[in-house]
Protein backbone atom coordinates (compact mmCIF):
# COMPACT_ATOMS: atom_id res chain seq x y z
CA MET A 1 72.96 68.79 126.19
CA PHE A 2 70.62 65.65 126.12
CA GLN A 3 68.14 67.63 128.14
CA VAL A 4 68.24 70.54 125.67
CA PHE A 5 67.25 68.19 122.89
CA ARG A 6 64.63 66.40 124.98
CA ASN A 7 62.95 69.82 125.73
CA ALA A 8 63.29 70.88 122.04
CA TRP A 9 61.65 67.74 120.90
CA LYS A 10 58.52 68.54 122.95
CA VAL A 11 58.09 71.80 120.89
CA ALA A 12 56.16 70.93 117.71
CA ASP A 13 58.05 73.55 115.51
CA LEU A 14 61.53 72.60 116.85
CA ARG A 15 60.57 68.90 116.34
CA LYS A 16 59.99 69.46 112.54
CA LYS A 17 63.38 71.19 112.41
CA ILE A 18 65.13 68.38 114.09
CA LEU A 19 63.51 65.87 111.80
CA PHE A 20 64.25 67.95 108.69
CA THR A 21 67.83 68.11 109.72
CA GLY A 22 68.01 64.30 110.23
CA LEU A 23 66.45 63.89 106.78
CA ILE A 24 69.29 65.96 105.22
CA ILE A 25 72.03 64.07 107.16
CA LEU A 26 70.43 60.83 105.80
CA VAL A 27 70.52 62.13 102.22
CA PHE A 28 74.28 63.17 102.96
CA ARG A 29 75.06 59.65 104.24
CA ILE A 30 73.43 58.05 101.16
CA GLY A 31 75.56 60.18 98.79
CA CYS A 32 78.57 59.04 100.77
CA ALA A 33 77.53 55.41 99.73
CA ILE A 34 77.16 55.96 95.89
CA PHE A 35 80.53 55.12 94.20
CA VAL A 36 81.63 57.05 91.25
CA PRO A 37 81.99 54.96 88.05
CA PHE A 38 85.40 53.83 86.51
CA LEU A 39 87.05 53.83 89.79
CA ASP A 40 88.52 50.82 91.84
CA THR A 41 87.45 51.69 95.23
CA GLU A 42 89.74 48.93 96.79
CA VAL A 43 92.80 50.71 95.33
CA VAL A 44 91.56 54.07 96.27
CA ARG A 45 91.16 52.86 99.92
CA THR A 46 94.62 51.46 99.76
CA MET A 47 96.07 54.48 98.52
CA LEU A 48 94.71 56.74 101.43
CA GLY A 49 95.94 54.13 104.04
CA GLU A 50 94.63 53.83 107.31
CA GLY A 51 93.25 57.36 107.58
CA SER A 52 95.23 59.37 109.82
CA GLU A 53 94.27 63.02 110.15
CA SER A 54 98.03 64.08 110.29
CA THR A 55 98.22 64.01 106.56
CA LEU A 56 96.15 66.20 104.25
CA LEU A 57 94.61 63.55 102.27
CA GLY A 58 93.89 61.54 105.41
CA PHE A 59 92.41 64.59 107.08
CA MET A 60 90.24 65.18 104.06
CA ASP A 61 88.99 61.57 104.30
CA THR A 62 88.25 62.16 107.99
CA MET A 63 86.12 65.32 107.23
CA THR A 64 84.39 63.50 104.64
CA GLY A 65 83.49 60.56 106.65
CA GLY A 66 85.36 58.24 104.50
CA ALA A 67 83.67 59.24 101.30
CA LEU A 68 87.07 60.28 99.82
CA GLY A 69 88.99 57.08 100.66
CA ASN A 70 85.98 55.24 99.18
CA GLY A 71 85.79 57.28 95.97
CA THR A 72 82.06 58.11 96.37
CA LEU A 73 79.89 61.06 95.00
CA PHE A 74 80.74 63.12 98.13
CA ALA A 75 84.48 62.56 98.13
CA MET A 76 85.09 66.35 98.19
CA SER A 77 82.39 66.93 100.69
CA ILE A 78 82.51 70.31 102.28
CA THR A 79 86.35 70.82 102.14
CA PRO A 80 86.00 73.30 99.18
CA TYR A 81 83.60 75.41 101.01
CA ILE A 82 85.82 75.30 104.09
CA ASN A 83 88.70 76.33 101.84
CA ALA A 84 86.61 79.05 100.20
CA SER A 85 85.45 80.38 103.62
CA ILE A 86 89.17 80.69 104.85
CA ILE A 87 90.30 82.36 101.60
CA MET A 88 87.39 84.94 101.81
CA GLN A 89 88.16 85.79 105.51
CA LEU A 90 91.71 86.60 104.48
CA LEU A 91 90.44 88.60 101.45
CA THR A 92 87.96 90.62 103.48
CA VAL A 93 90.93 91.95 105.49
CA ALA A 94 93.15 92.55 102.43
CA ILE A 95 90.38 93.93 99.84
CA PRO A 96 88.46 97.11 100.92
CA VAL A 97 85.53 96.25 98.97
CA LEU A 98 84.97 93.08 100.81
CA GLU A 99 85.74 94.84 104.02
CA ARG A 100 82.92 97.48 103.21
CA LEU A 101 80.57 94.48 102.31
CA SER A 102 81.21 92.74 105.73
CA LYS A 103 80.18 95.94 107.49
CA GLU A 104 76.82 96.31 105.57
CA GLY A 105 75.10 93.96 107.93
CA ASP A 106 72.78 91.06 106.65
CA GLU A 107 72.72 92.12 102.94
CA GLY A 108 76.64 92.41 102.79
CA ARG A 109 76.94 89.00 104.48
CA LYS A 110 74.53 87.64 101.78
CA LYS A 111 76.68 88.97 99.09
CA ILE A 112 79.93 87.56 100.55
CA ASN A 113 78.20 84.19 101.01
CA THR A 114 77.18 84.19 97.42
CA ILE A 115 80.67 84.99 96.41
CA THR A 116 82.07 82.23 98.80
CA LYS A 117 79.86 79.74 97.11
CA PHE A 118 81.23 80.75 93.67
CA VAL A 119 84.80 80.43 95.03
CA ALA A 120 84.01 77.00 96.52
CA LEU A 121 82.76 75.75 93.17
CA GLY A 122 86.09 76.73 91.63
CA ILE A 123 88.04 75.06 94.36
CA GLY A 124 85.83 72.08 94.11
CA LEU A 125 86.56 71.67 90.45
CA PHE A 126 90.23 72.33 90.98
CA GLN A 127 90.49 69.62 93.78
CA SER A 128 88.44 67.09 91.66
CA VAL A 129 90.97 67.51 88.71
CA ALA A 130 93.95 67.09 91.07
CA PHE A 131 92.38 64.08 92.86
CA TYR A 132 91.68 62.59 89.48
CA ILE A 133 95.31 63.10 88.40
CA ALA A 134 96.48 61.44 91.41
CA LEU A 135 94.10 58.61 90.98
CA ARG A 136 95.05 58.13 87.25
CA ASN A 137 98.89 57.91 88.18
CA HIS A 138 98.22 55.62 90.97
CA SER A 139 98.32 51.64 91.22
CA GLU A 140 98.66 48.99 93.79
CA PHE A 141 99.49 45.37 93.91
CA ILE A 142 96.33 43.66 95.30
CA ASP A 143 96.05 39.91 95.56
CA GLY A 144 99.04 39.51 93.29
CA SER A 145 97.89 41.72 90.40
CA LEU A 146 98.52 45.27 89.45
CA ARG A 147 95.32 47.13 89.60
CA PHE A 148 94.98 50.88 88.85
CA ALA A 149 92.71 53.35 90.63
CA VAL A 150 91.08 54.67 87.44
CA ARG A 151 89.90 51.48 85.23
CA HIS A 152 90.22 53.35 81.89
CA THR A 153 92.82 55.97 81.23
CA GLU A 154 93.34 56.17 77.46
CA GLY A 155 91.24 56.85 74.27
CA PHE A 156 87.60 57.81 74.43
CA GLU A 157 86.86 55.62 77.37
CA GLY A 158 89.69 57.57 79.30
CA PHE A 159 88.17 60.99 78.11
CA LEU A 160 84.76 59.76 79.38
CA ALA A 161 86.23 58.63 82.62
CA MET A 162 87.73 61.90 83.36
CA ILE A 163 84.75 63.94 82.61
CA THR A 164 82.61 61.38 84.58
CA ILE A 165 84.92 61.41 87.72
CA VAL A 166 85.62 65.05 87.73
CA GLY A 167 81.88 66.05 87.12
CA CYS A 168 80.71 63.68 89.97
CA PHE A 169 83.17 65.06 92.50
CA THR A 170 82.28 68.70 91.58
CA ALA A 171 78.71 68.02 91.54
CA GLY A 172 78.83 66.37 94.86
CA ALA A 173 80.66 69.41 96.44
CA SER A 174 78.08 71.65 95.05
CA LEU A 175 75.22 69.56 96.15
CA ILE A 176 76.45 69.52 99.73
CA ILE A 177 76.61 73.26 99.76
CA TRP A 178 73.01 73.13 98.71
CA LEU A 179 72.18 70.75 101.45
CA GLY A 180 73.79 72.94 104.01
CA ASP A 181 71.69 75.88 102.88
CA ARG A 182 68.50 73.95 103.29
CA ILE A 183 69.42 73.11 106.92
CA ASN A 184 70.15 76.91 107.44
CA GLU A 185 66.53 77.74 106.21
CA ASN A 186 64.52 74.91 107.77
CA GLY A 187 66.69 73.04 110.15
CA ILE A 188 68.70 73.47 113.25
CA GLY A 189 72.07 75.00 113.51
CA ASN A 190 74.82 75.82 110.86
CA GLY A 191 73.99 73.55 107.83
CA ILE A 192 77.85 73.11 106.80
CA SER A 193 78.79 72.50 110.47
CA ILE A 194 76.14 69.91 110.81
CA ILE A 195 77.25 67.99 107.71
CA LEU A 196 80.79 68.34 108.74
CA PHE A 197 79.79 66.78 112.22
CA ALA A 198 77.77 63.99 110.69
CA GLY A 199 80.65 63.02 108.50
CA ILE A 200 83.16 62.74 111.33
CA VAL A 201 80.86 60.93 113.69
CA SER A 202 80.02 58.44 110.98
CA ARG A 203 83.56 57.07 111.45
CA LEU A 204 83.22 56.38 115.17
CA PRO A 205 82.29 52.68 114.58
CA PHE A 206 85.23 52.14 112.40
CA ASP A 207 87.58 53.85 114.76
CA ILE A 208 86.05 51.48 117.42
CA MET A 209 86.61 48.48 115.72
CA HIS A 210 90.26 49.43 114.77
CA LEU A 211 90.92 49.88 118.60
CA ILE A 212 89.38 46.48 119.28
CA ASN A 213 91.61 45.06 116.58
CA GLN A 214 94.55 46.60 118.23
CA MET A 215 93.81 44.79 121.28
CA SER A 216 93.24 41.45 119.58
CA VAL A 217 96.10 41.29 117.12
CA GLN A 218 98.93 43.38 118.68
CA ASP A 219 100.97 42.89 121.87
CA ALA A 220 99.39 42.06 125.15
CA GLN A 221 100.29 45.67 126.48
CA ASN A 222 97.43 47.13 124.30
CA TYR A 223 94.94 45.57 126.50
CA VAL A 224 96.07 48.29 129.01
CA LEU A 225 97.04 50.96 126.58
CA VAL A 226 93.70 50.90 124.62
CA PRO A 227 91.48 51.70 127.66
CA VAL A 228 94.01 54.15 128.98
CA TYR A 229 93.73 55.94 125.56
CA LEU A 230 89.84 55.93 125.83
CA LEU A 231 90.20 57.39 129.34
CA ILE A 232 92.45 60.12 127.99
CA TYR A 233 90.36 60.80 125.08
CA ILE A 234 87.12 61.25 127.19
CA SER A 235 89.17 63.56 129.71
CA MET A 236 90.50 65.59 126.58
CA ILE A 237 86.91 65.99 125.46
CA ALA A 238 85.95 67.47 128.86
CA PHE A 239 89.06 69.53 128.80
CA VAL A 240 88.21 70.95 125.21
CA VAL A 241 84.74 71.80 126.46
CA LEU A 242 86.22 73.73 129.24
CA MET A 243 88.77 75.64 127.03
CA THR A 244 86.18 76.27 124.47
CA ASN A 245 83.85 77.96 127.01
CA ALA A 246 86.79 79.80 128.76
CA GLU A 247 87.22 83.52 128.32
CA ARG A 248 88.82 86.59 129.87
CA ARG A 249 86.35 89.34 130.70
CA ILE A 250 87.84 92.92 130.32
CA PRO A 251 85.44 95.22 132.49
CA VAL A 252 84.11 98.24 130.84
CA GLN A 253 82.34 101.32 132.45
CA TYR A 254 80.03 103.50 130.29
CA ALA A 255 79.59 107.04 131.33
CA LYS A 256 76.32 108.65 131.49
CA ARG A 257 74.92 110.94 128.83
CA VAL A 258 71.95 112.76 127.87
CA VAL A 259 70.22 112.61 124.48
CA GLY A 260 67.11 114.63 124.29
CA ARG A 261 65.16 114.03 127.27
CA LYS A 262 66.63 110.46 128.05
CA MET A 263 69.67 109.46 129.85
CA TYR A 264 71.82 106.61 128.58
CA GLY A 265 74.74 104.83 129.85
CA GLY A 266 76.06 104.55 133.43
CA GLN A 267 76.06 100.65 133.45
CA SER A 268 78.99 98.29 133.55
CA SER A 269 79.70 95.69 130.88
CA HIS A 270 82.68 93.57 129.71
CA ILE A 271 84.58 92.57 126.56
CA PRO A 272 84.77 88.92 126.33
CA ILE A 273 88.02 87.38 124.94
CA LYS A 274 87.77 83.73 124.52
CA VAL A 275 90.85 81.55 125.13
CA ALA A 276 90.20 79.37 121.77
CA MET A 277 88.71 82.24 119.82
CA ALA A 278 90.56 81.05 116.63
CA GLY A 279 89.00 77.55 116.80
CA VAL A 280 90.46 74.94 114.57
CA MET A 281 91.59 77.42 111.97
CA PRO A 282 95.36 77.48 113.09
CA ILE A 283 95.59 73.84 113.03
CA ILE A 284 94.13 73.70 109.49
CA PHE A 285 96.65 76.36 108.25
CA ALA A 286 99.61 74.40 109.90
CA MET A 287 98.39 71.13 108.61
CA SER A 288 97.99 72.46 105.15
CA ILE A 289 101.61 73.71 105.18
CA MET A 290 103.10 70.68 106.61
CA SER A 291 101.15 68.52 104.02
CA LEU A 292 101.68 70.45 101.14
CA PRO A 293 105.09 69.30 99.88
CA SER A 294 104.31 65.55 100.20
CA THR A 295 100.73 65.99 98.74
CA LEU A 296 102.07 67.84 95.58
CA LEU A 297 104.76 65.13 95.07
CA PHE A 298 102.18 62.57 95.71
CA PHE A 299 100.15 63.83 92.93
CA PHE A 300 103.16 63.34 90.60
CA GLY A 301 103.68 59.89 91.76
CA ILE A 302 106.48 60.43 94.23
CA ASP A 303 105.73 59.09 97.66
CA GLY A 304 109.29 58.70 99.24
CA ARG A 305 108.92 54.90 99.43
CA GLY A 306 111.55 53.92 96.93
CA GLU A 307 115.22 53.63 97.16
CA PRO A 308 116.94 56.01 99.38
CA GLY A 309 117.58 59.36 97.69
CA PHE A 310 116.85 63.07 97.80
CA TRP A 311 113.00 62.87 97.84
CA THR A 312 113.04 60.17 100.28
CA THR A 313 115.08 62.28 102.59
CA PHE A 314 113.08 65.24 101.77
CA LEU A 315 109.76 63.66 102.51
CA SER A 316 111.13 62.04 105.88
CA VAL A 317 111.09 65.65 107.34
CA PHE A 318 107.27 65.81 106.46
CA ASN A 319 106.48 62.28 107.84
CA PRO A 320 103.63 62.93 110.33
CA GLY A 321 104.72 60.06 112.55
CA THR A 322 108.07 61.64 113.52
CA TRP A 323 109.21 63.77 116.53
CA LEU A 324 110.61 66.42 114.14
CA TYR A 325 107.20 66.71 112.40
CA ALA A 326 105.39 67.24 115.84
CA VAL A 327 107.67 70.01 116.88
CA ILE A 328 107.52 72.04 113.61
CA TYR A 329 103.83 71.25 113.61
CA PHE A 330 103.29 72.74 117.28
CA PHE A 331 105.24 75.93 116.59
CA LEU A 332 103.33 76.48 113.38
CA ILE A 333 100.16 76.31 115.15
CA ILE A 334 101.29 78.91 117.66
CA ALA A 335 102.52 81.23 114.89
CA PHE A 336 99.20 80.73 112.87
CA ASN A 337 97.04 81.33 115.98
CA TYR A 338 98.81 84.73 116.63
CA PHE A 339 98.41 85.38 112.80
CA TYR A 340 94.75 84.47 112.62
CA ILE A 341 93.82 86.49 115.79
CA SER A 342 95.67 89.55 114.37
CA ILE A 343 93.40 89.71 111.37
CA GLN A 344 90.27 89.12 113.15
CA TYR A 345 90.80 91.43 116.00
CA ASN A 346 92.02 95.04 116.08
CA PRO A 347 92.72 96.49 119.52
CA ILE A 348 92.80 100.08 118.11
CA GLU A 349 89.52 99.79 116.54
CA ILE A 350 88.06 98.29 119.80
CA ALA A 351 89.61 101.04 121.71
CA ASN A 352 88.02 103.69 119.43
CA ASN A 353 84.60 102.11 119.44
CA LEU A 354 84.63 102.23 123.33
CA LYS A 355 85.70 105.80 123.16
CA LYS A 356 82.73 106.70 120.61
CA ASN A 357 80.32 105.14 122.93
CA ASN A 358 81.79 106.83 126.24
CA GLY A 359 83.12 103.62 127.51
CA ALA A 360 86.41 103.15 129.36
CA ILE A 361 88.37 100.34 130.90
CA PRO A 362 88.65 101.28 134.76
CA GLY A 363 92.34 102.39 135.36
CA TYR A 364 93.06 103.22 131.60
CA ARG A 365 92.66 106.32 129.92
CA PRO A 366 90.82 106.16 126.48
CA GLY A 367 92.98 106.02 123.45
CA LYS A 368 96.38 104.53 123.27
CA PRO A 369 96.61 103.30 126.85
CA THR A 370 93.23 101.52 126.36
CA SER A 371 94.41 99.82 123.07
CA ASP A 372 97.87 98.84 124.63
CA PHE A 373 96.04 97.18 127.48
CA ILE A 374 93.74 95.38 125.20
CA TYR A 375 96.72 94.18 122.85
CA ASN A 376 98.66 92.99 125.95
CA SER A 377 95.62 90.97 127.32
CA LEU A 378 94.88 89.58 123.79
CA SER A 379 98.49 88.47 123.44
CA LYS A 380 98.53 86.55 126.75
CA ILE A 381 95.12 84.81 125.91
CA THR A 382 96.36 84.02 122.44
CA LEU A 383 99.52 82.23 123.78
CA ILE A 384 97.35 80.09 126.09
CA GLY A 385 94.95 79.21 123.42
CA ALA A 386 97.85 78.48 121.00
CA ILE A 387 99.45 76.16 123.45
CA PHE A 388 96.15 74.43 123.97
CA LEU A 389 95.62 74.03 120.19
CA GLY A 390 99.10 72.65 119.75
CA PHE A 391 98.74 70.16 122.48
CA ILE A 392 95.43 68.85 121.20
CA ALA A 393 97.03 68.69 117.61
CA ILE A 394 100.10 66.72 118.47
CA PHE A 395 98.62 64.38 120.93
CA PRO A 396 97.88 61.61 118.56
CA ILE A 397 101.44 61.80 117.22
CA VAL A 398 103.08 61.69 120.51
CA PHE A 399 100.73 58.89 121.69
CA THR A 400 101.48 56.84 118.64
CA ASN A 401 105.31 57.21 119.21
CA VAL A 402 105.07 56.16 122.76
CA THR A 403 102.73 53.32 122.54
CA GLY A 404 102.74 52.17 119.05
CA ILE A 405 98.98 52.37 118.54
CA THR A 406 98.40 53.59 115.07
CA GLY A 407 95.56 54.76 112.75
CA MET A 408 93.81 57.10 115.34
CA ALA A 409 91.75 59.02 112.76
CA MET A 410 89.75 60.71 115.54
CA GLY A 411 92.40 62.93 117.02
CA GLY A 412 92.77 66.30 118.37
CA THR A 413 91.42 68.28 115.20
CA THR A 414 88.22 66.24 114.84
CA MET A 415 87.71 66.50 118.51
CA LEU A 416 87.79 70.29 118.38
CA ILE A 417 85.35 70.33 115.41
CA LEU A 418 82.93 67.94 117.18
CA VAL A 419 82.92 69.85 120.51
CA GLY A 420 82.66 73.27 118.61
CA VAL A 421 79.60 72.13 116.55
CA ALA A 422 77.86 70.39 119.41
CA LEU A 423 78.08 73.42 121.59
CA GLU A 424 76.95 75.69 118.74
CA THR A 425 74.00 73.65 117.95
CA MET A 426 73.01 73.51 121.68
CA ARG A 427 73.28 77.15 121.97
CA SER A 428 70.96 77.50 118.83
CA LEU A 429 68.45 75.14 120.21
CA GLU A 430 68.46 77.02 123.66
CA GLY A 431 68.01 80.41 121.88
CA GLN A 432 64.92 79.15 119.71
CA MET A 433 63.34 77.54 122.99
CA MET A 434 63.70 80.75 124.84
CA MET A 435 61.98 82.70 121.96
CA ARG A 436 59.05 80.39 122.37
CA HIS A 437 58.79 80.38 126.06
CA HIS A 438 59.24 84.25 126.89
CA LYS A 439 56.98 85.75 129.51
CA GLY A 440 54.01 87.73 128.49
CA PHE A 441 53.21 91.31 129.53
CA LEU A 442 50.74 90.15 132.03
CA GLU A 443 52.79 87.68 133.83
């Protein structure tokens, strides 16, 4: 990967694109350091805790590079756009108009992208209002005094605080989408993915310091467990890279056909089925479902930390640190992986397209036998990918329960995102370098 970036830097055009992308990332990080007025950042930081990606707010804080926990301008970051993209993917399957747009090529995708941005704006406004309500109702005892997350909550000052906080959060989410579009036009890679990557990577120094503190203030066994965790983490990165690139190739043979005076077909090809084709989406779906009850109750001031009662018992089921949570989380990831693949890939449609193009899988007749074979192959690969995603997602929970080392914000989900964005950006650079170094007709 470093060799690819070094070769790209030697090309003047690509060097400008890389520098422009770096400038946008710098603007993003500056926005993550601009605090929103009327907020007590220390109370907000205490409210979100240590920043574990096992909770919805903790996961959002990790995705925003700590901007949510610090109550800054980019507190919502790209999470509204991610949620809007997921909603649009599901609606594209359910609504025929959107499905037709998705099949109209570049023009159709541009229209869907425009609709996605408006949906993201609405989601950003909703999340900003919900987060403001949570902040307004939250207080913490810090240094012996009761402090509120929002400094003014009543009268004209309270109304001004609400408008300012909600407006800043919503404007920050819209600005991030605009920055992502600028990267798409003048930079390298996918803009939203690059910003997401930058936000996660920005937390690395804090996570390293947290591990060092675990070694210095905890038990002596952490002098062994922390290095072991780092070795396991590096090994898991290599494993994620391997599984992300792994695929099952179904061979396809195209029959010869004559069109006019030319003969087409007769060559062999394959249908690639990736093991981790769903990416991080099943984990996000499962995390949203598991975090929804505690998050909704948290917005109403119920956190389960009071006297034993119904809500305390109810929220204990959704405590991210328990084994029960890990088991339910694991099986939800498997279920959502099958669900996501089922709406993205249609074996019958693939079989019909092969038949229209005079293609066939060796040993299987066109039509239903081919679609059944593709369905069975897809089911097996989906199961392997689902188990892989589940293992990566629950590893931080298992490791914390076994060793007692807490606060591992850089867990399996962020690892999948980092590896996916890095590989995608590297392929984009390789493609652009290949276009600039193709052989001429006389070579």
